[in-house]
């Protein structure tokens, strides 16, 4: 199943939060994204039903192998694109916002070429 942009955003957010905290709950995701708890709950259930996420009895969220793979891919895209844009002179806030939009739509071919170019710029 192809994830929509919103699903990718949830997975990326859970990944980022899990790097900061030992346990991530739906409320943490809601606070981070400034979304309502019912919206997050619905999204979490969809991600769980589609095999991207495990939810423990205490509500702790854990990415499955598939969820981790997707989240890592999106986070890498975000990081590389934002850095590339900033290196080109785009202000950080604009680069971060633009990278967030681009990361979901860019093809693997274009991203890999941009990533290679960004690595050469270092």
PDB file of N, CA and C in Angstrom:
ATOM      1  N   UNK A   1       0.828  -1.191   0.000  1.00  0.00           N
ATOM      2  CA  UNK A   1       0.000   0.000   0.000  1.00  0.00           C
ATOM      3  C   UNK A   1       0.872   1.253   0.000  1.00  0.00           C
ATOM      4  N   UNK A   2       0.583   2.171  -0.881  1.00  0.00           N
ATOM      5  CA  UNK A   2       1.301   3.447  -0.956  1.00  0.00           C
ATOM      6  C   UNK A   2       0.754   4.373   0.120  1.00  0.00           C
ATOM      7  N   UNK A   3       1.638   4.862   0.943  1.00  0.00           N
ATOM      8  CA  UNK A   3       1.250   5.797   2.004  1.00  0.00           C
ATOM      9  C   UNK A   3       1.006   7.182   1.434  1.00  0.00           C
ATOM     10  N   UNK A   4       0.050   7.860   2.001  1.00  0.00           N
ATOM     11  CA  UNK A   4      -0.165   9.253   1.638  1.00  0.00           C
ATOM     12  C   UNK A   4       0.819  10.122   2.419  1.00  0.00           C
ATOM     13  N   UNK A   5       0.931  11.369   2.001  1.00  0.00           N
ATOM     14  CA  UNK A   5       1.859  12.302   2.641  1.00  0.00           C
ATOM     15  C   UNK A   5       1.636  12.386   4.146  1.00  0.00           C
ATOM     16  N   UNK A   6       0.383  12.415   4.573  1.00  0.00           N
ATOM     17  CA  UNK A   6       0.110  12.541   6.008  1.00  0.00           C
ATOM     18  C   UNK A   6       0.641  11.333   6.777  1.00  0.00           C
ATOM     19  N   UNK A   7       0.500  10.149   6.220  1.00  0.00           N
ATOM     20  CA  UNK A   7       1.030   8.957   6.867  1.00  0.00           C
ATOM     21  C   UNK A   7       2.536   9.013   6.987  1.00  0.00           C
ATOM     22  N   UNK A   8       3.180   9.482   5.929  1.00  0.00           N
ATOM     23  CA  UNK A   8       4.635   9.635   5.963  1.00  0.00           C
ATOM     24  C   UNK A   8       5.054  10.632   7.036  1.00  0.00           C
ATOM     25  N   UNK A   9       4.290  11.708   7.171  1.00  0.00           N
ATOM     26  CA  UNK A   9       4.602  12.713   8.192  1.00  0.00           C
ATOM     27  C   UNK A   9       4.495  12.127   9.606  1.00  0.00           C
ATOM     28  N   UNK A  10       3.479  11.328   9.836  1.00  0.00           N
ATOM     29  CA  UNK A  10       3.330  10.695  11.151  1.00  0.00           C
ATOM     30  C   UNK A  10       4.514   9.781  11.437  1.00  0.00           C
ATOM     31  N   UNK A  11       4.880   8.947  10.463  1.00  0.00           N
ATOM     32  CA  UNK A  11       5.996   8.029  10.673  1.00  0.00           C
ATOM     33  C   UNK A  11       7.291   8.785  10.923  1.00  0.00           C
ATOM     34  N   UNK A  12       7.531   9.833  10.145  1.00  0.00           N
ATOM     35  CA  UNK A  12       8.741  10.641  10.324  1.00  0.00           C
ATOM     36  C   UNK A  12       8.752  11.282  11.711  1.00  0.00           C
ATOM     37  N   UNK A  13       7.612  11.778  12.138  1.00  0.00           N
ATOM     38  CA  UNK A  13       7.517  12.412  13.457  1.00  0.00           C
ATOM     39  C   UNK A  13       7.777  11.403  14.569  1.00  0.00           C
ATOM     40  N   UNK A  14       7.228  10.204  14.443  1.00  0.00           N
ATOM     41  CA  UNK A  14       7.466   9.173  15.449  1.00  0.00           C
ATOM     42  C   UNK A  14       8.949   8.818  15.500  1.00  0.00           C
ATOM     43  N   UNK A  15       9.581   8.721  14.336  1.00  0.00           N
ATOM     44  CA  UNK A  15      11.027   8.449  14.294  1.00  0.00           C
ATOM     45  C   UNK A  15      11.810   9.540  15.013  1.00  0.00           C
ATOM     46  N   UNK A  16      11.534  10.773  14.700  1.00  0.00           N
ATOM     47  CA  UNK A  16      12.249  11.909  15.308  1.00  0.00           C
ATOM     48  C   UNK A  16      12.022  11.933  16.820  1.00  0.00           C
ATOM     49  N   UNK A  17      10.775  11.736  17.244  1.00  0.00           N
ATOM     50  CA  UNK A  17      10.475  11.728  18.677  1.00  0.00           C
ATOM     51  C   UNK A  17      11.175  10.571  19.384  1.00  0.00           C
ATOM     52  N   UNK A  18      11.259   9.421  18.716  1.00  0.00           N
ATOM     53  CA  UNK A  18      11.908   8.263  19.343  1.00  0.00           C
ATOM     54  C   UNK A  18      13.406   8.464  19.506  1.00  0.00           C
ATOM     55  N   UNK A  19      13.975   9.395  18.752  1.00  0.00           N
ATOM     56  CA  UNK A  19      15.390   9.719  18.911  1.00  0.00           C
ATOM     57  C   UNK A  19      15.608  10.640  20.114  1.00  0.00           C
ATOM     58  N   UNK A  20      14.537  11.308  20.538  1.00  0.00           N
ATOM     59  CA  UNK A  20      14.606  12.237  21.663  1.00  0.00           C
ATOM     60  C   UNK A  20      14.103  11.627  22.972  1.00  0.00           C
ATOM     61  N   UNK A  21      13.174  10.671  22.861  1.00  0.00           N
ATOM     62  CA  UNK A  21      12.522  10.088  24.032  1.00  0.00           C
ATOM     63  C   UNK A  21      12.619   8.574  23.966  1.00  0.00           C
ATOM     64  N   UNK A  22      12.603   7.934  25.108  1.00  0.00           N
ATOM     65  CA  UNK A  22      12.671   6.472  25.118  1.00  0.00           C
ATOM     66  C   UNK A  22      11.333   5.849  24.736  1.00  0.00           C
ATOM     67  N   UNK A  23      10.231   6.533  25.018  1.00  0.00           N
ATOM     68  CA  UNK A  23       8.899   6.031  24.696  1.00  0.00           C
ATOM     69  C   UNK A  23       8.094   7.157  24.054  1.00  0.00           C
ATOM     70  N   UNK A  24       7.414   6.819  22.951  1.00  0.00           N
ATOM     71  CA  UNK A  24       6.588   7.797  22.241  1.00  0.00           C
ATOM     72  C   UNK A  24       5.132   7.346  22.310  1.00  0.00           C
ATOM     73  N   UNK A  25       4.254   8.285  22.645  1.00  0.00           N
ATOM     74  CA  UNK A  25       2.813   8.031  22.700  1.00  0.00           C
ATOM     75  C   UNK A  25       2.105   8.950  21.694  1.00  0.00           C
ATOM     76  N   UNK A  26       0.857   8.633  21.428  1.00  0.00           N
ATOM     77  CA  UNK A  26       0.057   9.436  20.503  1.00  0.00           C
ATOM     78  C   UNK A  26      -0.006  10.904  20.917  1.00  0.00           C
ATOM     79  N   UNK A  27      -0.088  11.145  22.207  1.00  0.00           N
ATOM     80  CA  UNK A  27      -0.163  12.524  22.696  1.00  0.00           C
ATOM     81  C   UNK A  27       1.105  13.302  22.325  1.00  0.00           C
ATOM     82  N   UNK A  28       2.253  12.626  22.317  1.00  0.00           N
ATOM     83  CA  UNK A  28       3.510  13.279  21.921  1.00  0.00           C
ATOM     84  C   UNK A  28       3.454  13.690  20.451  1.00  0.00           C
ATOM     85  N   UNK A  29       2.904  12.811  19.634  1.00  0.00           N
ATOM     86  CA  UNK A  29       2.772  13.098  18.202  1.00  0.00           C
ATOM     87  C   UNK A  29       1.812  14.261  17.999  1.00  0.00           C
ATOM     88  N   UNK A  30       0.693  14.246  18.711  1.00  0.00           N
ATOM     89  CA  UNK A  30      -0.294  15.325  18.610  1.00  0.00           C
ATOM     90  C   UNK A  30       0.326  16.669  18.977  1.00  0.00           C
ATOM     91  N   UNK A  31       1.107  16.681  20.059  1.00  0.00           N
ATOM     92  CA  UNK A  31       1.748  17.923  20.496  1.00  0.00           C
ATOM     93  C   UNK A  31       2.791  18.390  19.480  1.00  0.00           C
ATOM     94  N   UNK A  32       3.591  17.466  18.965  1.00  0.00           N
ATOM     95  CA  UNK A  32       4.659  17.815  18.025  1.00  0.00           C
ATOM     96  C   UNK A  32       4.098  18.396  16.727  1.00  0.00           C
ATOM     97  N   UNK A  33       3.003  17.803  16.243  1.00  0.00           N
ATOM     98  CA  UNK A  33       2.430  18.242  14.965  1.00  0.00           C
ATOM     99  C   UNK A  33       1.327  19.288  15.126  1.00  0.00           C
ATOM    100  N   UNK A  34       0.950  19.577  16.370  1.00  0.00           N
ATOM    101  CA  UNK A  34      -0.163  20.487  16.669  1.00  0.00           C
ATOM    102  C   UNK A  34      -1.462  20.008  16.008  1.00  0.00           C
ATOM    103  N   UNK A  35      -1.707  18.693  16.122  1.00  0.00           N
ATOM    104  CA  UNK A  35      -2.929  18.083  15.607  1.00  0.00           C
ATOM    105  C   UNK A  35      -3.789  17.684  16.798  1.00  0.00           C
ATOM    106  N   UNK A  36      -5.080  17.517  16.544  1.00  0.00           N
ATOM    107  CA  UNK A  36      -5.978  17.082  17.612  1.00  0.00           C
ATOM    108  C   UNK A  36      -5.712  15.614  17.952  1.00  0.00           C
ATOM    109  N   UNK A  37      -5.991  15.256  19.195  1.00  0.00           N
ATOM    110  CA  UNK A  37      -5.795  13.876  19.632  1.00  0.00           C
ATOM    111  C   UNK A  37      -6.663  12.898  18.828  1.00  0.00           C
ATOM    112  N   UNK A  38      -7.931  13.226  18.522  1.00  0.00           N
ATOM    113  CA  UNK A  38      -8.728  12.299  17.709  1.00  0.00           C
ATOM    114  C   UNK A  38      -8.157  12.089  16.297  1.00  0.00           C
ATOM    115  N   UNK A  39      -7.616  13.132  15.692  1.00  0.00           N
ATOM    116  CA  UNK A  39      -7.008  12.995  14.365  1.00  0.00           C
ATOM    117  C   UNK A  39      -5.797  12.075  14.421  1.00  0.00           C
ATOM    118  N   UNK A  40      -4.971  12.260  15.431  1.00  0.00           N
ATOM    119  CA  UNK A  40      -3.779  11.431  15.601  1.00  0.00           C
ATOM    120  C   UNK A  40      -4.186   9.989  15.883  1.00  0.00           C
ATOM    121  N   UNK A  41      -5.184   9.796  16.722  1.00  0.00           N
ATOM    122  CA  UNK A  41      -5.652   8.459  17.053  1.00  0.00           C
ATOM    123  C   UNK A  41      -6.116   7.712  15.802  1.00  0.00           C
ATOM    124  N   UNK A  42      -6.849   8.381  14.947  1.00  0.00           N
ATOM    125  CA  UNK A  42      -7.325   7.767  13.701  1.00  0.00           C
ATOM    126  C   UNK A  42      -6.138   7.389  12.817  1.00  0.00           C
ATOM    127  N   UNK A  43      -5.192   8.305  12.667  1.00  0.00           N
ATOM    128  CA  UNK A  43      -4.015   8.047  11.828  1.00  0.00           C
ATOM    129  C   UNK A  43      -3.178   6.899  12.394  1.00  0.00           C
ATOM    130  N   UNK A  44      -3.010   6.874  13.694  1.00  0.00           N
ATOM    131  CA  UNK A  44      -2.230   5.815  14.346  1.00  0.00           C
ATOM    132  C   UNK A  44      -2.875   4.456  14.075  1.00  0.00           C
ATOM    133  N   UNK A  45      -4.193   4.398  14.170  1.00  0.00           N
ATOM    134  CA  UNK A  45      -4.892   3.137  13.907  1.00  0.00           C
ATOM    135  C   UNK A  45      -4.732   2.697  12.460  1.00  0.00           C
ATOM    136  N   UNK A  46      -4.784   3.625  11.532  1.00  0.00           N
ATOM    137  CA  UNK A  46      -4.576   3.291  10.116  1.00  0.00           C
ATOM    138  C   UNK A  46      -3.159   2.770   9.881  1.00  0.00           C
ATOM    139  N   UNK A  47      -2.180   3.436  10.473  1.00  0.00           N
ATOM    140  CA  UNK A  47      -0.787   3.002  10.324  1.00  0.00           C
ATOM    141  C   UNK A  47      -0.580   1.624  10.955  1.00  0.00           C
ATOM    142  N   UNK A  48      -1.219   1.393  12.090  1.00  0.00           N
ATOM    143  CA  UNK A  48      -1.136   0.089  12.753  1.00  0.00           C
ATOM    144  C   UNK A  48      -1.787  -0.985  11.881  1.00  0.00           C
ATOM    145  N   UNK A  49      -2.978  -0.698  11.362  1.00  0.00           N
ATOM    146  CA  UNK A  49      -3.712  -1.661  10.536  1.00  0.00           C
ATOM    147  C   UNK A  49      -2.973  -2.012   9.248  1.00  0.00           C
ATOM    148  N   UNK A  50      -2.133  -1.093   8.772  1.00  0.00           N
ATOM    149  CA  UNK A  50      -1.398  -1.321   7.530  1.00  0.00           C
ATOM    150  C   UNK A  50       0.033  -1.801   7.761  1.00  0.00           C
ATOM    151  N   UNK A  51       0.351  -2.128   9.015  1.00  0.00           N
ATOM    152  CA  UNK A  51       1.622  -2.770   9.314  1.00  0.00           C
ATOM    153  C   UNK A  51       2.828  -1.850   9.464  1.00  0.00           C
ATOM    154  N   UNK A  52       2.598  -0.562   9.660  1.00  0.00           N
ATOM    155  CA  UNK A  52       3.701   0.385   9.808  1.00  0.00           C
ATOM    156  C   UNK A  52       4.061   0.658  11.265  1.00  0.00           C
ATOM    157  N   UNK A  53       3.165   0.267  12.174  1.00  0.00           N
ATOM    158  CA  UNK A  53       3.294   0.693  13.555  1.00  0.00           C
ATOM    159  C   UNK A  53       2.730  -0.364  14.496  1.00  0.00           C
ATOM    160  N   UNK A  54       3.374  -0.493  15.649  1.00  0.00           N
ATOM    161  CA  UNK A  54       2.849  -1.333  16.723  1.00  0.00           C
ATOM    162  C   UNK A  54       2.449  -0.414  17.873  1.00  0.00           C
ATOM    163  N   UNK A  55       1.350  -0.753  18.525  1.00  0.00           N
ATOM    164  CA  UNK A  55       0.889   0.030  19.668  1.00  0.00           C
ATOM    165  C   UNK A  55       0.803  -0.920  20.859  1.00  0.00           C
ATOM    166  N   UNK A  56       1.602  -0.633  21.875  1.00  0.00           N
ATOM    167  CA  UNK A  56       1.632  -1.463  23.083  1.00  0.00           C
ATOM    168  C   UNK A  56       0.398  -1.186  23.937  1.00  0.00           C
ATOM    169  N   UNK A  57       0.182  -2.041  24.915  1.00  0.00           N
ATOM    170  CA  UNK A  57      -0.971  -1.867  25.816  1.00  0.00           C
ATOM    171  C   UNK A  57      -0.951  -0.522  26.522  1.00  0.00           C
ATOM    172  N   UNK A  58       0.248  -0.034  26.826  1.00  0.00           N
ATOM    173  CA  UNK A  58       0.362   1.263  27.510  1.00  0.00           C
ATOM    174  C   UNK A  58       0.316   2.434  26.525  1.00  0.00           C
ATOM    175  N   UNK A  59       0.099   2.137  25.240  1.00  0.00           N
ATOM    176  CA  UNK A  59       0.002   3.188  24.225  1.00  0.00           C
ATOM    177  C   UNK A  59       1.322   3.559  23.583  1.00  0.00           C
ATOM    178  N   UNK A  60       2.395   2.912  23.979  1.00  0.00           N
ATOM    179  CA  UNK A  60       3.707   3.216  23.390  1.00  0.00           C
ATOM    180  C   UNK A  60       3.701   2.831  21.908  1.00  0.00           C
ATOM    181  N   UNK A  61       4.249   3.703  21.084  1.00  0.00           N
ATOM    182  CA  UNK A  61       4.296   3.498  19.640  1.00  0.00           C
ATOM    183  C   UNK A  61       5.677   3.011  19.229  1.00  0.00           C
ATOM    184  N   UNK A  62       5.703   1.969  18.399  1.00  0.00           N
ATOM    185  CA  UNK A  62       6.952   1.433  17.881  1.00  0.00           C
ATOM    186  C   UNK A  62       6.794   1.224  16.379  1.00  0.00           C
ATOM    187  N   UNK A  63       7.740   1.724  15.624  1.00  0.00           N
ATOM    188  CA  UNK A  63       7.716   1.524  14.179  1.00  0.00           C
ATOM    189  C   UNK A  63       8.061   0.075  13.855  1.00  0.00           C
ATOM    190  N   UNK A  64       7.322  -0.518  12.926  1.00  0.00           N
ATOM    191  CA  UNK A  64       7.673  -1.843  12.435  1.00  0.00           C
ATOM    192  C   UNK A  64       8.847  -1.688  11.473  1.00  0.00           C
ATOM    193  N   UNK A  65       9.336  -2.786  10.952  1.00  0.00           N
ATOM    194  CA  UNK A  65      10.431  -2.709   9.978  1.00  0.00           C
ATOM    195  C   UNK A  65      10.016  -1.858   8.783  1.00  0.00           C
ATOM    196  N   UNK A  66       8.815  -2.068   8.303  1.00  0.00           N
ATOM    197  CA  UNK A  66       8.296  -1.293   7.175  1.00  0.00           C
ATOM    198  C   UNK A  66       8.127   0.180   7.543  1.00  0.00           C
ATOM    199  N   UNK A  67       7.619   0.434   8.750  1.00  0.00           N
ATOM    200  CA  UNK A  67       7.442   1.805   9.216  1.00  0.00           C
ATOM    201  C   UNK A  67       8.763   2.518   9.389  1.00  0.00           C
ATOM    202  N   UNK A  68       9.742   1.815   9.941  1.00  0.00           N
ATOM    203  CA  UNK A  68      11.071   2.396  10.142  1.00  0.00           C
ATOM    204  C   UNK A  68      11.729   2.705   8.798  1.00  0.00           C
ATOM    205  N   UNK A  69      11.582   1.795   7.850  1.00  0.00           N
ATOM    206  CA  UNK A  69      12.160   2.002   6.522  1.00  0.00           C
ATOM    207  C   UNK A  69      11.562   3.247   5.859  1.00  0.00           C
ATOM    208  N   UNK A  70      10.254   3.385   5.934  1.00  0.00           N
ATOM    209  CA  UNK A  70       9.581   4.545   5.343  1.00  0.00           C
ATOM    210  C   UNK A  70       9.971   5.830   6.065  1.00  0.00           C
ATOM    211  N   UNK A  71       9.940   5.802   7.393  1.00  0.00           N
ATOM    212  CA  UNK A  71      10.269   6.990   8.183  1.00  0.00           C
ATOM    213  C   UNK A  71      11.704   7.442   7.938  1.00  0.00           C
ATOM    214  N   UNK A  72      12.626   6.488   7.869  1.00  0.00           N
ATOM    215  CA  UNK A  72      14.038   6.804   7.634  1.00  0.00           C
ATOM    216  C   UNK A  72      14.223   7.421   6.255  1.00  0.00           C
ATOM    217  N   UNK A  73      13.538   6.885   5.272  1.00  0.00           N
ATOM    218  CA  UNK A  73      13.620   7.408   3.908  1.00  0.00           C
ATOM    219  C   UNK A  73      13.126   8.864   3.855  1.00  0.00           C
ATOM    220  N   UNK A  74      11.993   9.124   4.468  1.00  0.00           N
ATOM    221  CA  UNK A  74      11.421  10.476   4.456  1.00  0.00           C
ATOM    222  C   UNK A  74      12.309  11.439   5.240  1.00  0.00           C
ATOM    223  N   UNK A  75      12.803  10.994   6.387  1.00  0.00           N
ATOM    224  CA  UNK A  75      13.665  11.863   7.200  1.00  0.00           C
ATOM    225  C   UNK A  75      14.968  12.188   6.469  1.00  0.00           C
ATOM    226  N   UNK A  76      15.535  11.204   5.794  1.00  0.00           N
ATOM    227  CA  UNK A  76      16.750  11.452   5.021  1.00  0.00           C
ATOM    228  C   UNK A  76      16.468  12.471   3.920  1.00  0.00           C
ATOM    229  N   UNK A  77      15.364  12.300   3.231  1.00  0.00           N
ATOM    230  CA  UNK A  77      15.000  13.248   2.172  1.00  0.00           C
ATOM    231  C   UNK A  77      14.874  14.654   2.739  1.00  0.00           C
ATOM    232  N   UNK A  78      14.187  14.765   3.862  1.00  0.00           N
ATOM    233  CA  UNK A  78      13.998  16.073   4.487  1.00  0.00           C
ATOM    234  C   UNK A  78      15.341  16.712   4.833  1.00  0.00           C
ATOM    235  N   UNK A  79      16.192  15.951   5.471  1.00  0.00           N
ATOM    236  CA  UNK A  79      17.494  16.456   5.910  1.00  0.00           C
ATOM    237  C   UNK A  79      18.362  16.877   4.729  1.00  0.00           C
ATOM    238  N   UNK A  80      18.460  16.015   3.728  1.00  0.00           N
ATOM    239  CA  UNK A  80      19.299  16.313   2.560  1.00  0.00           C
ATOM    240  C   UNK A  80      18.753  17.520   1.796  1.00  0.00           C
ATOM    241  N   UNK A  81      17.445  17.541   1.560  1.00  0.00           N
ATOM    242  CA  UNK A  81      16.855  18.643   0.803  1.00  0.00           C
ATOM    243  C   UNK A  81      16.980  19.973   1.545  1.00  0.00           C
ATOM    244  N   UNK A  82      16.714  19.978   2.838  1.00  0.00           N
ATOM    245  CA  UNK A  82      16.827  21.215   3.616  1.00  0.00           C
ATOM    246  C   UNK A  82      18.265  21.721   3.613  1.00  0.00           C
ATOM    247  N   UNK A  83      19.217  20.826   3.807  1.00  0.00           N
ATOM    248  CA  UNK A  83      20.628  21.207   3.804  1.00  0.00           C
ATOM    249  C   UNK A  83      21.044  21.746   2.440  1.00  0.00           C
ATOM    250  N   UNK A  84      20.628  21.071   1.395  1.00  0.00           N
ATOM    251  CA  UNK A  84      20.956  21.514   0.041  1.00  0.00           C
ATOM    252  C   UNK A  84      20.393  22.907  -0.225  1.00  0.00           C
ATOM    253  N   UNK A  85      19.152  23.124   0.140  1.00  0.00           N
ATOM    254  CA  UNK A  85      18.534  24.440  -0.065  1.00  0.00           C
ATOM    255  C   UNK A  85      19.254  25.523   0.740  1.00  0.00           C
ATOM    256  N   UNK A  86      19.608  25.213   1.983  1.00  0.00           N
ATOM    257  CA  UNK A  86      20.325  26.200   2.809  1.00  0.00           C
ATOM    258  C   UNK A  86      21.703  26.495   2.220  1.00  0.00           C
ATOM    259  N   UNK A  87      22.372  25.458   1.702  1.00  0.00           N
ATOM    260  CA  UNK A  87      23.682  25.668   1.068  1.00  0.00           C
ATOM    261  C   UNK A  87      23.584  26.535  -0.189  1.00  0.00           C
ATOM    262  N   UNK A  88      22.413  26.546  -0.777  1.00  0.00           N
ATOM    263  CA  UNK A  88      22.185  27.382  -1.963  1.00  0.00           C
ATOM    264  C   UNK A  88      21.752  28.803  -1.591  1.00  0.00           C
ATOM    265  N   UNK A  89      21.606  29.062  -0.288  1.00  0.00           N
ATOM    266  CA  UNK A  89      21.279  30.412   0.164  1.00  0.00           C
ATOM    267  C   UNK A  89      19.855  30.622   0.622  1.00  0.00           C
ATOM    268  N   UNK A  90      19.052  29.575   0.637  1.00  0.00           N
ATOM    269  CA  UNK A  90      17.673  29.699   1.104  1.00  0.00           C
ATOM    270  C   UNK A  90      17.691  29.800   2.630  1.00  0.00           C
ATOM    271  N   UNK A  91      16.960  30.764   3.208  1.00  0.00           N
ATOM    272  CA  UNK A  91      16.918  30.880   4.667  1.00  0.00           C
ATOM    273  C   UNK A  91      16.428  29.579   5.306  1.00  0.00           C
ATOM    274  N   UNK A  92      16.948  29.258   6.486  1.00  0.00           N
ATOM    275  CA  UNK A  92      16.676  27.975   7.138  1.00  0.00           C
ATOM    276  C   UNK A  92      15.189  27.687   7.290  1.00  0.00           C
ATOM    277  N   UNK A  93      14.398  28.662   7.739  1.00  0.00           N
ATOM    278  CA  UNK A  93      12.971  28.401   7.944  1.00  0.00           C
ATOM    279  C   UNK A  93      12.266  28.072   6.636  1.00  0.00           C
ATOM    280  N   UNK A  94      12.630  28.760   5.576  1.00  0.00           N
ATOM    281  CA  UNK A  94      12.035  28.500   4.256  1.00  0.00           C
ATOM    282  C   UNK A  94      12.524  27.156   3.716  1.00  0.00           C
ATOM    283  N   UNK A  95      13.807  26.883   3.863  1.00  0.00           N
ATOM    284  CA  UNK A  95      14.381  25.618   3.384  1.00  0.00           C
ATOM    285  C   UNK A  95      13.738  24.429   4.078  1.00  0.00           C
ATOM    286  N   UNK A  96      13.532  24.534   5.368  1.00  0.00           N
ATOM    287  CA  UNK A  96      12.916  23.453   6.135  1.00  0.00           C
ATOM    288  C   UNK A  96      11.472  23.220   5.697  1.00  0.00           C
ATOM    289  N   UNK A  97      10.745  24.294   5.539  1.00  0.00           N
ATOM    290  CA  UNK A  97       9.350  24.191   5.106  1.00  0.00           C
ATOM    291  C   UNK A  97       9.246  23.628   3.687  1.00  0.00           C
ATOM    292  N   UNK A  98      10.080  24.118   2.786  1.00  0.00           N
ATOM    293  CA  UNK A  98      10.070  23.621   1.410  1.00  0.00           C
ATOM    294  C   UNK A  98      10.481  22.154   1.337  1.00  0.00           C
ATOM    295  N   UNK A  99      11.499  21.791   2.095  1.00  0.00           N
ATOM    296  CA  UNK A  99      11.961  20.396   2.114  1.00  0.00           C
ATOM    297  C   UNK A  99      10.835  19.477   2.579  1.00  0.00           C
ATOM    298  N   UNK A 100      10.055  19.939   3.536  1.00  0.00           N
ATOM    299  CA  UNK A 100       8.942  19.148   4.061  1.00  0.00           C
ATOM    300  C   UNK A 100       7.905  18.870   2.977  1.00  0.00           C
ATOM    301  N   UNK A 101       7.689  19.815   2.094  1.00  0.00           N
ATOM    302  CA  UNK A 101       6.731  19.605   1.006  1.00  0.00           C
ATOM    303  C   UNK A 101       7.326  18.744  -0.098  1.00  0.00           C
ATOM    304  N   UNK A 102       8.581  19.000  -0.449  1.00  0.00           N
ATOM    305  CA  UNK A 102       9.233  18.307  -1.561  1.00  0.00           C
ATOM    306  C   UNK A 102       9.481  16.833  -1.236  1.00  0.00           C
ATOM    307  N   UNK A 103       9.833  16.531   0.004  1.00  0.00           N
ATOM    308  CA  UNK A 103      10.255  15.178   0.391  1.00  0.00           C
ATOM    309  C   UNK A 103       9.233  14.104   0.059  1.00  0.00           C
ATOM    310  N   UNK A 104       7.967  14.467  -0.026  1.00  0.00           N
ATOM    311  CA  UNK A 104       6.908  13.489  -0.272  1.00  0.00           C
ATOM    312  C   UNK A 104       6.642  13.249  -1.755  1.00  0.00           C
ATOM    313  N   UNK A 105       7.066  14.163  -2.599  1.00  0.00           N
ATOM    314  CA  UNK A 105       6.715  14.083  -4.014  1.00  0.00           C
ATOM    315  C   UNK A 105       7.880  13.795  -4.952  1.00  0.00           C
ATOM    316  N   UNK A 106       9.080  14.029  -4.512  1.00  0.00           N
ATOM    317  CA  UNK A 106      10.235  13.878  -5.383  1.00  0.00           C
ATOM    318  C   UNK A 106      10.468  12.390  -5.696  1.00  0.00           C
ATOM    319  N   UNK A 107      10.833  12.108  -6.935  1.00  0.00           N
ATOM    320  CA  UNK A 107      11.103  10.718  -7.321  1.00  0.00           C
ATOM    321  C   UNK A 107      12.414  10.249  -6.706  1.00  0.00           C
ATOM    322  N   UNK A 108      12.575   8.938  -6.625  1.00  0.00           N
ATOM    323  CA  UNK A 108      13.825   8.369  -6.118  1.00  0.00           C
ATOM    324  C   UNK A 108      14.993   8.776  -7.009  1.00  0.00           C
ATOM    325  N   UNK A 109      14.767   8.801  -8.314  1.00  0.00           N
ATOM    326  CA  UNK A 109      15.829   9.162  -9.266  1.00  0.00           C
ATOM    327  C   UNK A 109      16.308  10.589  -9.009  1.00  0.00           C
ATOM    328  N   UNK A 110      15.376  11.529  -8.961  1.00  0.00           N
ATOM    329  CA  UNK A 110      15.760  12.929  -8.744  1.00  0.00           C
ATOM    330  C   UNK A 110      16.401  13.118  -7.379  1.00  0.00           C
ATOM    331  N   UNK A 111      15.833  12.482  -6.348  1.00  0.00           N
ATOM    332  CA  UNK A 111      16.406  12.631  -5.014  1.00  0.00           C
ATOM    333  C   UNK A 111      17.836  12.111  -4.971  1.00  0.00           C
ATOM    334  N   UNK A 112      18.067  10.939  -5.527  1.00  0.00           N
ATOM    335  CA  UNK A 112      19.415  10.362  -5.489  1.00  0.00           C
ATOM    336  C   UNK A 112      20.432  11.223  -6.223  1.00  0.00           C
ATOM    337  N   UNK A 113      20.021  11.856  -7.313  1.00  0.00           N
ATOM    338  CA  UNK A 113      20.920  12.763  -8.030  1.00  0.00           C
ATOM    339  C   UNK A 113      21.211  13.998  -7.170  1.00  0.00           C
ATOM    340  N   UNK A 114      20.173  14.558  -6.550  1.00  0.00           N
ATOM    341  CA  UNK A 114      20.375  15.713  -5.667  1.00  0.00           C
ATOM    342  C   UNK A 114      21.246  15.343  -4.465  1.00  0.00           C
ATOM    343  N   UNK A 115      21.035  14.167  -3.922  1.00  0.00           N
ATOM    344  CA  UNK A 115      21.828  13.702  -2.780  1.00  0.00           C
ATOM    345  C   UNK A 115      23.301  13.576  -3.161  1.00  0.00           C
ATOM    346  N   UNK A 116      23.558  12.998  -4.326  1.00  0.00           N
ATOM    347  CA  UNK A 116      24.930  12.872  -4.817  1.00  0.00           C
ATOM    348  C   UNK A 116      25.557  14.251  -4.995  1.00  0.00           C
ATOM    349  N   UNK A 117      24.797  15.174  -5.558  1.00  0.00           N
ATOM    350  CA  UNK A 117      25.290  16.538  -5.759  1.00  0.00           C
ATOM    351  C   UNK A 117      25.582  17.218  -4.411  1.00  0.00           C
ATOM    352  N   UNK A 118      24.689  17.011  -3.448  1.00  0.00           N
ATOM    353  CA  UNK A 118      24.869  17.612  -2.125  1.00  0.00           C
ATOM    354  C   UNK A 118      26.125  17.075  -1.447  1.00  0.00           C
ATOM    355  N   UNK A 119      26.380  15.784  -1.618  1.00  0.00           N
ATOM    356  CA  UNK A 119      27.585  15.184  -1.029  1.00  0.00           C
ATOM    357  C   UNK A 119      28.856  15.753  -1.647  1.00  0.00           C
ATOM    358  N   UNK A 120      28.808  16.078  -2.929  1.00  0.00           N
ATOM    359  CA  UNK A 120      29.964  16.668  -3.607  1.00  0.00           C
ATOM    360  C   UNK A 120      30.203  18.097  -3.131  1.00  0.00           C
ATOM    361  N   UNK A 121      29.146  18.771  -2.676  1.00  0.00           N
ATOM    362  CA  UNK A 121      29.258  20.161  -2.212  1.00  0.00           C
ATOM    363  C   UNK A 121      29.974  20.259  -0.866  1.00  0.00           C
ATOM    364  N   UNK A 122      30.035  19.154  -0.127  1.00  0.00           N
ATOM    365  CA  UNK A 122      30.611  19.197   1.230  1.00  0.00           C
ATOM    366  C   UNK A 122      32.078  19.518   1.189  1.00  0.00           C
TER     367      UNK A 122
END
